[in-house]
N, C-alpha and C. Protein backbone atom coordinates (compact mmCIF):
# COMPACT_ATOMS: atom_id res chain seq x y z
N MET A 1 35.45 9.03 -28.52
CA MET A 1 34.51 8.14 -28.03
C MET A 1 33.18 8.91 -27.97
N LYS A 2 32.04 8.06 -27.90
CA LYS A 2 30.65 8.33 -27.95
C LYS A 2 29.99 7.49 -26.77
N ARG A 3 29.49 7.97 -26.21
CA ARG A 3 28.33 7.57 -25.12
C ARG A 3 27.11 6.96 -25.63
N LEU A 4 27.15 5.65 -25.82
CA LEU A 4 25.88 4.91 -26.71
C LEU A 4 25.02 3.84 -26.00
N PHE A 5 24.20 3.97 -25.94
CA PHE A 5 23.10 2.60 -25.55
C PHE A 5 22.31 2.00 -26.54
N ILE A 6 22.00 1.11 -25.84
CA ILE A 6 21.02 0.29 -27.14
C ILE A 6 19.42 0.13 -26.51
N ALA A 7 18.68 0.71 -26.99
CA ALA A 7 17.19 0.47 -26.47
C ALA A 7 16.00 0.06 -27.38
N ILE A 8 14.96 0.33 -27.23
CA ILE A 8 13.49 0.03 -27.61
C ILE A 8 12.76 1.69 -27.43
N HIS A 9 12.46 1.80 -28.65
CA HIS A 9 11.56 3.14 -28.45
C HIS A 9 10.06 2.91 -27.70
N VAL A 10 9.62 3.83 -27.02
CA VAL A 10 8.52 3.31 -26.69
C VAL A 10 7.71 4.68 -27.00
N ASN A 11 6.46 4.42 -27.41
CA ASN A 11 5.47 5.36 -28.17
C ASN A 11 4.53 5.56 -27.01
N THR A 12 4.39 6.81 -26.71
CA THR A 12 3.29 7.12 -25.48
C THR A 12 2.11 6.93 -25.40
N SER A 13 1.50 6.56 -24.02
CA SER A 13 -0.12 6.40 -24.04
C SER A 13 -0.64 7.36 -23.48
N SER A 14 -1.91 7.84 -23.55
CA SER A 14 -2.83 8.44 -22.79
C SER A 14 -2.89 8.41 -20.91
N SER A 15 -2.68 6.83 -20.76
CA SER A 15 -2.55 6.79 -19.35
C SER A 15 -1.11 7.15 -18.78
N LEU A 16 -0.24 6.87 -19.66
CA LEU A 16 1.19 7.24 -18.97
C LEU A 16 1.30 8.90 -19.40
N THR A 17 0.75 9.54 -20.24
CA THR A 17 0.72 11.25 -20.18
C THR A 17 -0.13 11.31 -19.06
N ASP A 18 -1.33 11.01 -18.70
CA ASP A 18 -1.51 11.31 -17.48
C ASP A 18 -1.00 11.25 -16.19
N PHE A 19 -0.19 10.08 -16.01
CA PHE A 19 0.44 9.56 -14.56
C PHE A 19 1.51 10.64 -14.80
N THR A 20 2.50 11.06 -15.96
CA THR A 20 3.09 12.13 -15.36
C THR A 20 2.84 13.55 -15.20
N LYS A 21 1.71 13.63 -15.76
CA LYS A 21 1.32 15.06 -15.63
C LYS A 21 0.58 15.07 -14.16
N LYS A 22 0.20 13.90 -13.34
CA LYS A 22 -0.01 13.88 -11.96
C LYS A 22 1.27 14.27 -11.04
N LEU A 23 2.16 13.28 -11.92
CA LEU A 23 3.49 13.40 -11.01
C LEU A 23 4.01 14.56 -10.91
N LYS A 24 3.77 15.53 -12.28
CA LYS A 24 4.64 16.74 -12.16
C LYS A 24 4.13 17.60 -11.49
N HIS A 25 2.68 17.71 -11.08
CA HIS A 25 1.79 18.50 -9.99
C HIS A 25 2.40 17.89 -8.65
N ILE A 26 2.90 17.08 -8.22
CA ILE A 26 3.35 16.73 -6.83
C ILE A 26 4.46 16.98 -6.47
N ALA A 27 5.58 16.48 -7.84
CA ALA A 27 7.17 16.89 -8.13
C ALA A 27 7.62 17.98 -9.23
N PRO A 28 6.80 19.13 -8.69
CA PRO A 28 7.12 19.90 -9.57
C PRO A 28 8.66 20.41 -10.34
N PHE A 29 8.98 20.98 -11.34
CA PHE A 29 10.07 21.54 -11.79
C PHE A 29 10.54 22.35 -10.91
N PRO A 30 11.73 22.74 -10.51
CA PRO A 30 13.05 21.82 -10.96
C PRO A 30 13.56 20.99 -9.81
N ALA A 31 12.75 20.45 -8.91
CA ALA A 31 12.74 19.29 -8.18
C ALA A 31 13.05 18.36 -9.08
N VAL A 32 12.37 17.96 -10.15
CA VAL A 32 12.49 16.93 -11.30
C VAL A 32 12.79 17.42 -12.35
N LYS A 33 13.77 16.70 -13.12
CA LYS A 33 14.25 17.06 -14.46
C LYS A 33 13.46 16.09 -15.22
N TRP A 34 12.37 16.22 -15.95
CA TRP A 34 11.50 15.39 -16.65
C TRP A 34 11.91 15.13 -18.09
N VAL A 35 11.83 13.81 -18.86
CA VAL A 35 12.27 13.25 -19.79
C VAL A 35 11.12 13.53 -20.68
N ASP A 36 11.48 14.15 -21.65
CA ASP A 36 10.73 14.39 -22.71
C ASP A 36 9.90 12.89 -23.37
N PRO A 37 8.73 13.16 -23.44
CA PRO A 37 7.95 11.56 -24.05
C PRO A 37 8.61 11.31 -25.16
N GLU A 38 8.95 12.47 -26.26
CA GLU A 38 9.75 11.59 -27.34
C GLU A 38 10.95 11.03 -27.41
N GLN A 39 11.48 10.97 -26.13
CA GLN A 39 12.26 10.11 -25.77
C GLN A 39 12.43 9.27 -25.09
N TYR A 40 11.30 8.58 -24.48
CA TYR A 40 11.18 7.49 -24.15
C TYR A 40 11.63 6.11 -24.78
N HIS A 41 12.31 5.49 -23.71
CA HIS A 41 12.68 4.24 -24.00
C HIS A 41 12.70 3.39 -23.20
N LEU A 42 12.92 1.79 -23.69
CA LEU A 42 13.49 0.82 -22.69
C LEU A 42 15.03 0.48 -23.00
N THR A 43 15.85 0.85 -22.28
CA THR A 43 17.33 0.58 -22.49
C THR A 43 17.46 -1.10 -22.50
N LEU A 44 17.93 -1.80 -23.51
CA LEU A 44 18.44 -3.08 -23.36
C LEU A 44 19.87 -3.26 -22.87
N LYS A 45 20.66 -2.02 -23.00
CA LYS A 45 22.27 -1.91 -22.73
C LYS A 45 22.59 -0.71 -22.62
N PHE A 46 23.30 -0.27 -21.60
CA PHE A 46 24.10 1.13 -21.80
C PHE A 46 25.30 0.64 -21.80
N LEU A 47 25.93 1.46 -22.66
CA LEU A 47 27.69 1.01 -23.08
C LEU A 47 28.38 2.07 -22.49
N GLY A 48 27.93 3.19 -22.18
CA GLY A 48 28.80 4.34 -21.99
C GLY A 48 29.94 4.62 -22.77
N ASP A 49 30.67 5.23 -22.40
CA ASP A 49 31.63 5.88 -23.49
C ASP A 49 32.15 5.07 -24.19
N PHE A 50 32.10 4.73 -25.67
CA PHE A 50 32.30 3.88 -26.24
C PHE A 50 33.47 4.21 -27.81
N PRO A 51 34.39 3.29 -27.84
CA PRO A 51 35.37 3.95 -28.89
C PRO A 51 34.85 4.25 -30.51
N GLU A 52 35.02 5.06 -31.03
CA GLU A 52 34.24 5.58 -32.45
C GLU A 52 34.66 4.60 -33.39
N ASN A 53 36.05 4.02 -33.35
CA ASN A 53 36.60 3.28 -34.35
C ASN A 53 36.13 1.82 -33.99
N ASN A 54 35.36 1.55 -32.70
CA ASN A 54 34.62 0.26 -33.02
C ASN A 54 33.24 0.27 -33.41
N ILE A 55 32.72 1.39 -33.73
CA ILE A 55 30.85 1.37 -34.17
C ILE A 55 30.74 0.42 -35.01
N ARG A 56 31.36 0.49 -36.17
CA ARG A 56 30.91 -0.42 -37.38
C ARG A 56 30.59 -1.81 -36.63
N SER A 57 32.17 -2.74 -36.08
CA SER A 57 32.00 -3.91 -35.41
C SER A 57 30.58 -4.07 -34.67
N LEU A 58 30.58 -2.58 -33.54
CA LEU A 58 29.07 -3.06 -32.84
C LEU A 58 27.94 -3.08 -33.83
N ILE A 59 27.77 -2.32 -34.78
CA ILE A 59 26.84 -2.53 -35.69
C ILE A 59 26.33 -3.77 -36.57
N SER A 60 27.43 -3.98 -36.80
CA SER A 60 27.57 -5.82 -37.38
C SER A 60 27.04 -6.68 -35.97
N ILE A 61 27.54 -6.76 -35.10
CA ILE A 61 27.14 -7.65 -34.10
C ILE A 61 25.65 -7.33 -33.70
N LEU A 62 25.14 -6.29 -33.35
CA LEU A 62 23.74 -5.74 -33.51
C LEU A 62 22.74 -6.54 -34.56
N LYS A 63 23.29 -6.36 -35.64
CA LYS A 63 22.78 -6.60 -36.69
C LYS A 63 22.38 -8.11 -36.62
N GLU A 64 23.53 -8.91 -36.38
CA GLU A 64 23.06 -10.76 -36.45
C GLU A 64 22.34 -11.04 -35.15
N ILE A 65 22.20 -10.13 -34.13
CA ILE A 65 21.19 -10.28 -32.93
C ILE A 65 20.03 -10.10 -33.42
N ALA A 66 19.85 -9.29 -33.84
CA ALA A 66 18.26 -8.43 -34.66
C ALA A 66 17.80 -9.43 -35.32
N GLY A 67 18.67 -10.48 -36.11
CA GLY A 67 18.38 -11.79 -37.06
C GLY A 67 17.94 -12.68 -36.13
N ARG A 68 18.12 -12.71 -34.83
CA ARG A 68 18.06 -13.98 -34.54
C ARG A 68 16.97 -13.89 -33.55
N HIS A 69 16.19 -12.57 -33.50
CA HIS A 69 15.21 -12.81 -32.28
C HIS A 69 14.12 -12.04 -33.28
N GLN A 70 12.59 -12.67 -32.98
CA GLN A 70 11.26 -12.21 -33.38
C GLN A 70 10.78 -11.00 -32.78
N SER A 71 9.89 -10.23 -33.65
CA SER A 71 9.34 -8.72 -32.70
C SER A 71 8.69 -9.60 -31.81
N PHE A 72 8.14 -8.95 -30.43
CA PHE A 72 7.48 -9.53 -29.73
C PHE A 72 6.52 -8.34 -28.71
N ASP A 73 5.57 -8.61 -28.01
CA ASP A 73 4.74 -7.93 -27.67
C ASP A 73 5.46 -7.33 -25.84
N TYR A 74 5.09 -6.35 -25.44
CA TYR A 74 5.96 -5.53 -24.25
C TYR A 74 4.96 -5.31 -23.58
N THR A 75 4.52 -5.05 -22.18
CA THR A 75 3.61 -4.60 -21.65
C THR A 75 4.79 -3.55 -20.50
N ILE A 76 4.25 -1.97 -20.80
CA ILE A 76 4.72 -1.15 -19.19
C ILE A 76 3.91 -1.17 -18.28
N LYS A 77 4.57 -1.90 -17.08
CA LYS A 77 2.94 -2.10 -16.01
C LYS A 77 3.91 -1.50 -14.54
N GLY A 78 3.47 -0.71 -13.96
CA GLY A 78 4.33 -0.39 -12.53
C GLY A 78 4.74 0.66 -12.96
N ALA A 79 4.77 1.29 -11.45
CA ALA A 79 5.86 2.75 -11.37
C ALA A 79 6.69 2.43 -10.46
N GLY A 80 7.44 3.26 -10.12
CA GLY A 80 8.58 2.89 -9.11
C GLY A 80 9.42 4.19 -9.23
N TYR A 81 10.64 3.83 -8.25
CA TYR A 81 11.52 4.86 -8.13
C TYR A 81 13.05 4.30 -7.90
N PHE A 82 14.15 4.85 -8.43
CA PHE A 82 15.59 4.39 -7.48
C PHE A 82 15.66 5.39 -6.75
N THR A 83 16.58 4.83 -5.77
CA THR A 83 17.34 5.70 -4.66
C THR A 83 18.74 6.23 -4.76
N ASN A 84 19.35 6.78 -4.08
CA ASN A 84 20.92 6.86 -4.21
C ASN A 84 21.18 6.03 -2.75
N ARG A 85 22.59 6.24 -2.43
CA ARG A 85 23.03 5.53 -1.20
C ARG A 85 22.74 5.97 0.22
N GLU A 86 22.18 7.50 -0.03
CA GLU A 86 21.46 7.82 1.31
C GLU A 86 20.04 7.78 1.08
N ASN A 87 19.61 6.67 0.34
CA ASN A 87 18.05 6.72 0.49
C ASN A 87 17.07 7.49 -0.23
N LEU A 88 17.55 8.77 -0.51
CA LEU A 88 16.90 9.58 -1.09
C LEU A 88 16.70 9.32 -2.51
N LEU A 89 14.91 9.81 -2.92
CA LEU A 89 14.85 9.43 -4.40
C LEU A 89 15.72 10.36 -5.13
N LYS A 90 15.87 9.34 -6.59
CA LYS A 90 16.60 9.86 -7.57
C LYS A 90 16.20 9.65 -9.03
N VAL A 91 15.38 8.46 -9.02
CA VAL A 91 15.07 8.26 -10.18
C VAL A 91 13.49 7.80 -10.29
N LEU A 92 12.61 8.52 -11.33
CA LEU A 92 11.09 8.13 -11.31
C LEU A 92 10.93 7.35 -12.15
N TRP A 93 10.29 6.02 -12.38
CA TRP A 93 9.95 5.40 -13.76
C TRP A 93 9.07 4.44 -13.59
N ALA A 94 8.51 3.97 -15.15
CA ALA A 94 7.64 3.10 -15.00
C ALA A 94 8.44 1.72 -15.64
N GLY A 95 7.57 0.75 -14.97
CA GLY A 95 8.28 -0.80 -15.19
C GLY A 95 8.18 -1.15 -16.37
N ILE A 96 8.63 -2.40 -16.89
CA ILE A 96 8.16 -3.00 -17.82
C ILE A 96 7.88 -4.86 -17.15
N LYS A 97 6.70 -5.14 -17.39
CA LYS A 97 6.31 -6.45 -16.96
C LYS A 97 7.30 -7.08 -17.92
N PRO A 98 8.02 -8.21 -16.81
CA PRO A 98 9.40 -9.17 -17.46
C PRO A 98 8.51 -9.88 -18.63
N SER A 99 9.50 -10.35 -19.69
CA SER A 99 8.72 -10.62 -20.81
C SER A 99 10.37 -11.58 -21.17
N LYS A 100 10.02 -12.84 -21.39
CA LYS A 100 11.31 -13.56 -21.95
C LYS A 100 11.78 -13.01 -23.19
N PRO A 101 11.03 -12.59 -24.34
CA PRO A 101 11.99 -12.15 -25.63
C PRO A 101 12.79 -10.97 -25.11
N PHE A 102 12.02 -10.15 -24.28
CA PHE A 102 12.83 -9.01 -24.02
C PHE A 102 14.18 -9.13 -23.18
N LEU A 103 14.07 -9.91 -22.43
CA LEU A 103 15.32 -10.63 -21.28
C LEU A 103 16.34 -11.13 -22.14
N ASP A 104 15.68 -12.03 -22.99
CA ASP A 104 16.82 -12.99 -24.02
C ASP A 104 17.31 -12.04 -24.87
N ILE A 105 16.86 -11.08 -25.40
CA ILE A 105 17.64 -10.03 -26.38
C ILE A 105 18.66 -9.49 -25.44
N ASN A 106 18.22 -9.03 -24.22
CA ASN A 106 19.43 -8.12 -23.28
C ASN A 106 20.55 -9.25 -23.04
N LYS A 107 20.21 -10.43 -22.54
CA LYS A 107 21.16 -11.28 -22.23
C LYS A 107 22.10 -11.72 -23.65
N ASP A 108 21.49 -11.77 -24.80
CA ASP A 108 22.19 -12.08 -26.15
C ASP A 108 23.42 -10.90 -26.16
N ILE A 109 22.47 -9.71 -26.25
CA ILE A 109 23.93 -8.47 -26.58
C ILE A 109 24.72 -8.18 -25.34
N ASN A 110 24.42 -8.89 -24.26
CA ASN A 110 25.62 -8.82 -23.14
C ASN A 110 26.87 -9.73 -23.64
N THR A 111 26.00 -11.09 -24.08
CA THR A 111 26.85 -12.30 -24.68
C THR A 111 27.90 -11.63 -25.54
N ALA A 112 27.13 -11.50 -26.49
CA ALA A 112 27.73 -10.95 -27.68
C ALA A 112 29.28 -10.06 -27.45
N LEU A 113 28.53 -9.08 -26.54
CA LEU A 113 29.45 -7.85 -26.85
C LEU A 113 30.87 -8.22 -25.96
N GLU A 114 30.37 -9.29 -24.82
CA GLU A 114 31.81 -9.57 -24.18
C GLU A 114 32.41 -10.83 -24.76
N GLU A 115 31.74 -11.52 -25.90
CA GLU A 115 32.66 -12.58 -26.71
C GLU A 115 33.59 -11.78 -27.62
N ASN A 116 32.98 -10.24 -28.01
CA ASN A 116 33.79 -9.51 -29.08
C ASN A 116 34.75 -8.33 -28.22
N GLY A 117 34.60 -8.62 -26.82
CA GLY A 117 35.97 -7.61 -26.20
C GLY A 117 35.40 -6.12 -25.74
N PHE A 118 33.93 -6.19 -26.17
CA PHE A 118 33.86 -4.67 -25.64
C PHE A 118 33.14 -4.40 -24.26
N SER A 119 32.74 -5.53 -23.67
CA SER A 119 31.89 -4.83 -22.44
C SER A 119 31.86 -6.42 -21.51
N LYS A 120 32.19 -6.01 -20.21
CA LYS A 120 31.89 -6.92 -19.27
C LYS A 120 31.04 -6.56 -18.15
N ASN A 121 30.62 -5.39 -18.44
CA ASN A 121 29.44 -5.16 -17.02
C ASN A 121 28.00 -5.55 -17.15
N HIS A 122 28.30 -6.38 -16.26
CA HIS A 122 26.74 -7.25 -16.10
C HIS A 122 26.03 -6.59 -15.00
N ASP A 123 25.88 -5.22 -14.75
CA ASP A 123 25.07 -4.88 -13.44
C ASP A 123 23.76 -5.39 -13.32
N HIS A 124 23.10 -5.61 -12.82
CA HIS A 124 22.03 -6.00 -12.37
C HIS A 124 21.18 -5.39 -13.43
N PHE A 125 20.15 -6.14 -14.09
CA PHE A 125 19.19 -5.38 -15.06
C PHE A 125 17.96 -4.92 -14.41
N LYS A 126 17.56 -4.10 -14.18
CA LYS A 126 16.42 -3.60 -14.23
C LYS A 126 15.67 -2.76 -15.03
N PRO A 127 14.82 -3.58 -16.17
CA PRO A 127 14.27 -2.98 -17.06
C PRO A 127 13.25 -1.86 -16.64
N HIS A 128 13.18 -0.68 -17.50
CA HIS A 128 12.49 0.38 -16.80
C HIS A 128 12.51 1.34 -17.90
N LEU A 129 11.26 2.62 -18.02
CA LEU A 129 10.99 3.67 -18.81
C LEU A 129 11.73 4.71 -17.63
N THR A 130 12.35 5.35 -17.75
CA THR A 130 12.70 6.63 -16.90
C THR A 130 11.92 7.95 -17.43
N LEU A 131 11.21 8.14 -16.07
CA LEU A 131 9.88 9.47 -16.42
C LEU A 131 10.93 10.75 -16.10
N GLY A 132 11.77 10.95 -15.10
CA GLY A 132 12.59 11.63 -14.46
C GLY A 132 13.60 11.83 -13.56
N ARG A 133 14.65 12.63 -13.42
CA ARG A 133 15.54 12.18 -12.29
C ARG A 133 15.31 13.51 -11.67
N ILE A 134 15.61 13.26 -10.21
CA ILE A 134 15.05 14.01 -9.16
C ILE A 134 16.33 14.78 -8.64
N LYS A 135 16.42 16.04 -8.85
CA LYS A 135 17.36 16.96 -8.54
C LYS A 135 17.80 17.72 -7.58
N LYS A 136 16.46 17.91 -6.84
CA LYS A 136 16.39 18.25 -5.29
C LYS A 136 15.80 17.19 -4.44
N ASN A 137 17.15 16.06 -3.69
CA ASN A 137 16.95 15.02 -3.25
C ASN A 137 16.09 15.56 -1.94
N ASN A 138 14.64 15.14 -2.04
CA ASN A 138 14.31 15.04 -0.45
C ASN A 138 13.67 13.59 -0.65
N HIS A 139 13.17 12.71 1.04
CA HIS A 139 12.10 11.93 0.68
C HIS A 139 10.62 12.21 1.22
N ASP A 140 10.23 12.29 -0.23
CA ASP A 140 8.69 12.81 -0.39
C ASP A 140 7.69 11.98 -0.08
N ASN A 141 7.13 11.79 0.97
CA ASN A 141 6.38 10.60 1.43
C ASN A 141 4.85 11.00 0.25
N GLU A 142 4.46 11.79 0.16
CA GLU A 142 3.33 11.99 -1.11
C GLU A 142 3.58 11.53 -2.06
N LEU A 143 4.78 11.60 -2.74
CA LEU A 143 5.24 11.33 -3.88
C LEU A 143 5.21 9.57 -3.97
N ILE A 144 6.28 9.21 -3.06
CA ILE A 144 6.21 7.92 -2.59
C ILE A 144 4.71 7.06 -2.87
N ASP A 145 3.88 7.52 -1.98
CA ASP A 145 2.23 7.14 -1.57
C ASP A 145 2.15 7.03 -2.92
N PHE A 146 1.98 8.12 -3.74
CA PHE A 146 1.11 8.21 -5.19
C PHE A 146 1.71 7.03 -6.08
N ILE A 147 3.17 7.06 -5.83
CA ILE A 147 3.62 6.22 -6.99
C ILE A 147 2.69 4.64 -6.53
N TYR A 148 3.43 4.52 -5.12
CA TYR A 148 2.99 3.01 -5.17
C TYR A 148 1.47 2.48 -5.36
N GLY A 149 0.56 3.63 -5.38
CA GLY A 149 -0.72 3.71 -6.19
C GLY A 149 -1.15 3.12 -7.48
N TYR A 150 0.03 3.21 -7.87
CA TYR A 150 0.38 2.52 -9.51
C TYR A 150 0.95 1.59 -9.84
N ASN A 151 1.12 0.67 -8.87
CA ASN A 151 2.23 -0.46 -8.67
C ASN A 151 1.93 -1.24 -9.50
N ASN A 152 0.70 -1.48 -9.76
CA ASN A 152 0.10 -2.84 -10.76
C ASN A 152 -0.76 -2.14 -12.08
N PHE A 153 -0.47 -0.79 -11.96
CA PHE A 153 -1.40 -0.53 -13.34
C PHE A 153 -0.66 -0.82 -15.15
N THR A 154 -1.42 -0.86 -15.79
CA THR A 154 -0.59 -0.99 -16.75
C THR A 154 -1.03 0.40 -17.80
N PHE A 155 -0.08 0.55 -18.19
CA PHE A 155 0.24 1.95 -19.17
C PHE A 155 0.31 1.79 -20.74
N VAL A 156 1.39 0.85 -20.84
CA VAL A 156 1.11 0.75 -22.36
C VAL A 156 1.24 -0.98 -22.48
N GLU A 157 0.52 -1.25 -23.76
CA GLU A 157 0.47 -2.54 -24.29
C GLU A 157 1.27 -2.25 -25.94
N ALA A 158 2.33 -2.80 -26.32
CA ALA A 158 2.69 -2.44 -27.36
C ALA A 158 3.46 -3.46 -28.10
N LYS A 159 4.13 -3.52 -29.13
CA LYS A 159 5.09 -4.34 -29.93
C LYS A 159 6.39 -3.85 -30.40
N ALA A 160 7.28 -4.67 -29.86
CA ALA A 160 8.80 -3.81 -30.29
C ALA A 160 8.94 -4.88 -31.66
N THR A 161 9.25 -3.92 -32.48
CA THR A 161 9.57 -4.73 -34.12
C THR A 161 11.16 -4.25 -34.24
N ASN A 162 11.58 -3.45 -33.37
CA ASN A 162 13.33 -3.11 -33.60
C ASN A 162 13.97 -2.68 -32.38
N PHE A 163 15.01 -2.72 -32.44
CA PHE A 163 16.00 -2.02 -31.27
C PHE A 163 16.81 -0.89 -32.06
N VAL A 164 17.22 0.02 -31.31
CA VAL A 164 18.01 0.79 -32.25
C VAL A 164 19.46 1.18 -30.92
N LEU A 165 20.42 1.90 -31.97
CA LEU A 165 21.37 1.93 -31.63
C LEU A 165 21.47 3.76 -31.03
N ILE A 166 21.63 4.36 -29.89
CA ILE A 166 21.52 5.64 -29.73
C ILE A 166 23.03 6.50 -29.06
N GLU A 167 23.27 7.39 -29.54
CA GLU A 167 24.22 8.30 -29.02
C GLU A 167 23.49 9.23 -28.16
N SER A 168 24.12 9.42 -26.71
CA SER A 168 23.52 10.21 -25.96
C SER A 168 24.29 11.43 -25.38
N LYS A 169 24.44 12.50 -25.51
CA LYS A 169 25.16 13.84 -25.70
C LYS A 169 24.29 14.44 -24.48
N LEU A 170 25.00 14.70 -23.37
CA LEU A 170 24.62 15.24 -22.05
C LEU A 170 24.89 16.85 -22.38
N THR A 171 23.77 17.61 -21.82
CA THR A 171 23.95 18.91 -21.91
C THR A 171 23.40 19.36 -20.63
N ARG A 172 23.17 21.16 -20.38
CA ARG A 172 22.70 21.53 -19.47
C ARG A 172 21.15 21.02 -19.21
N LYS A 173 20.47 21.36 -20.30
CA LYS A 173 19.28 20.77 -20.53
C LYS A 173 18.45 19.42 -20.79
N GLY A 174 19.56 18.76 -20.51
CA GLY A 174 19.02 17.38 -20.27
C GLY A 174 20.05 16.37 -21.63
N PRO A 175 19.86 15.08 -21.60
CA PRO A 175 20.46 14.39 -22.66
C PRO A 175 19.69 14.75 -23.81
N VAL A 176 20.59 14.86 -24.69
CA VAL A 176 20.15 14.53 -26.51
C VAL A 176 20.38 13.67 -27.15
N TYR A 177 19.81 12.77 -27.88
CA TYR A 177 19.54 11.57 -28.29
C TYR A 177 19.47 11.70 -29.69
N LYS A 178 20.68 10.69 -30.27
CA LYS A 178 20.45 10.95 -31.88
C LYS A 178 20.49 9.30 -32.08
N THR A 179 19.66 8.94 -33.27
CA THR A 179 19.85 7.74 -33.42
C THR A 179 20.87 6.91 -34.55
N ILE A 180 22.09 6.22 -34.14
CA ILE A 180 22.74 6.00 -34.97
C ILE A 180 22.29 4.75 -36.21
N GLN A 181 21.61 3.87 -35.61
CA GLN A 181 21.19 2.52 -36.64
C GLN A 181 19.92 2.24 -36.13
N ILE A 182 18.71 1.52 -36.62
CA ILE A 182 18.33 0.82 -36.37
C ILE A 182 17.99 -0.80 -36.78
N PHE A 183 17.97 -1.63 -36.00
CA PHE A 183 17.75 -2.94 -36.14
C PHE A 183 16.21 -3.64 -35.94
N ASN A 184 16.47 -3.93 -37.07
CA ASN A 184 14.63 -5.18 -37.25
C ASN A 184 14.25 -6.00 -37.13
N LEU A 185 14.07 -6.28 -35.90
CA LEU A 185 13.40 -7.90 -35.35
C LEU A 185 12.76 -8.67 -36.37
N GLN A 186 13.12 -10.10 -36.57
CA GLN A 186 12.57 -10.81 -37.41
C GLN A 186 10.88 -11.00 -37.65
């Protein structure tokens, strides 16, 4: 089994870098495990533990999907956080402005995987770029107020020309990502 997900790589911008520097000042390590900017991505589908003997079939399906979709513009806009069941901060993120092409690719991936018996997981899809995972749970009003100040701020405007299949290996220092295959959009 390999832990897999499908994503669009994101290039960092100075505004996103400045924002994360300010966040780090408010919520310093070790309270938060920050994502390395080289690993920033927008997840299209988290597959979790996936049988290695089915990866070739998965790659074939994803090639077909990529061939049906055009490159598209996207905007990383706004910031927020996810909480756990106790309403404590869990994940800090930057959002993606909803775009039809992004959501269409996500829907196409879900449909194709289900039709091929690979995935029936249709969790609520909230497109986002994870900036950090909170390890020391607290309800930090200063951090929440700071994040709300960026609710409508545009961090990145870019073009998606491909998506990638990525293996994620969990380590004590955080996840290590390895690109398995790149799928170019039309």
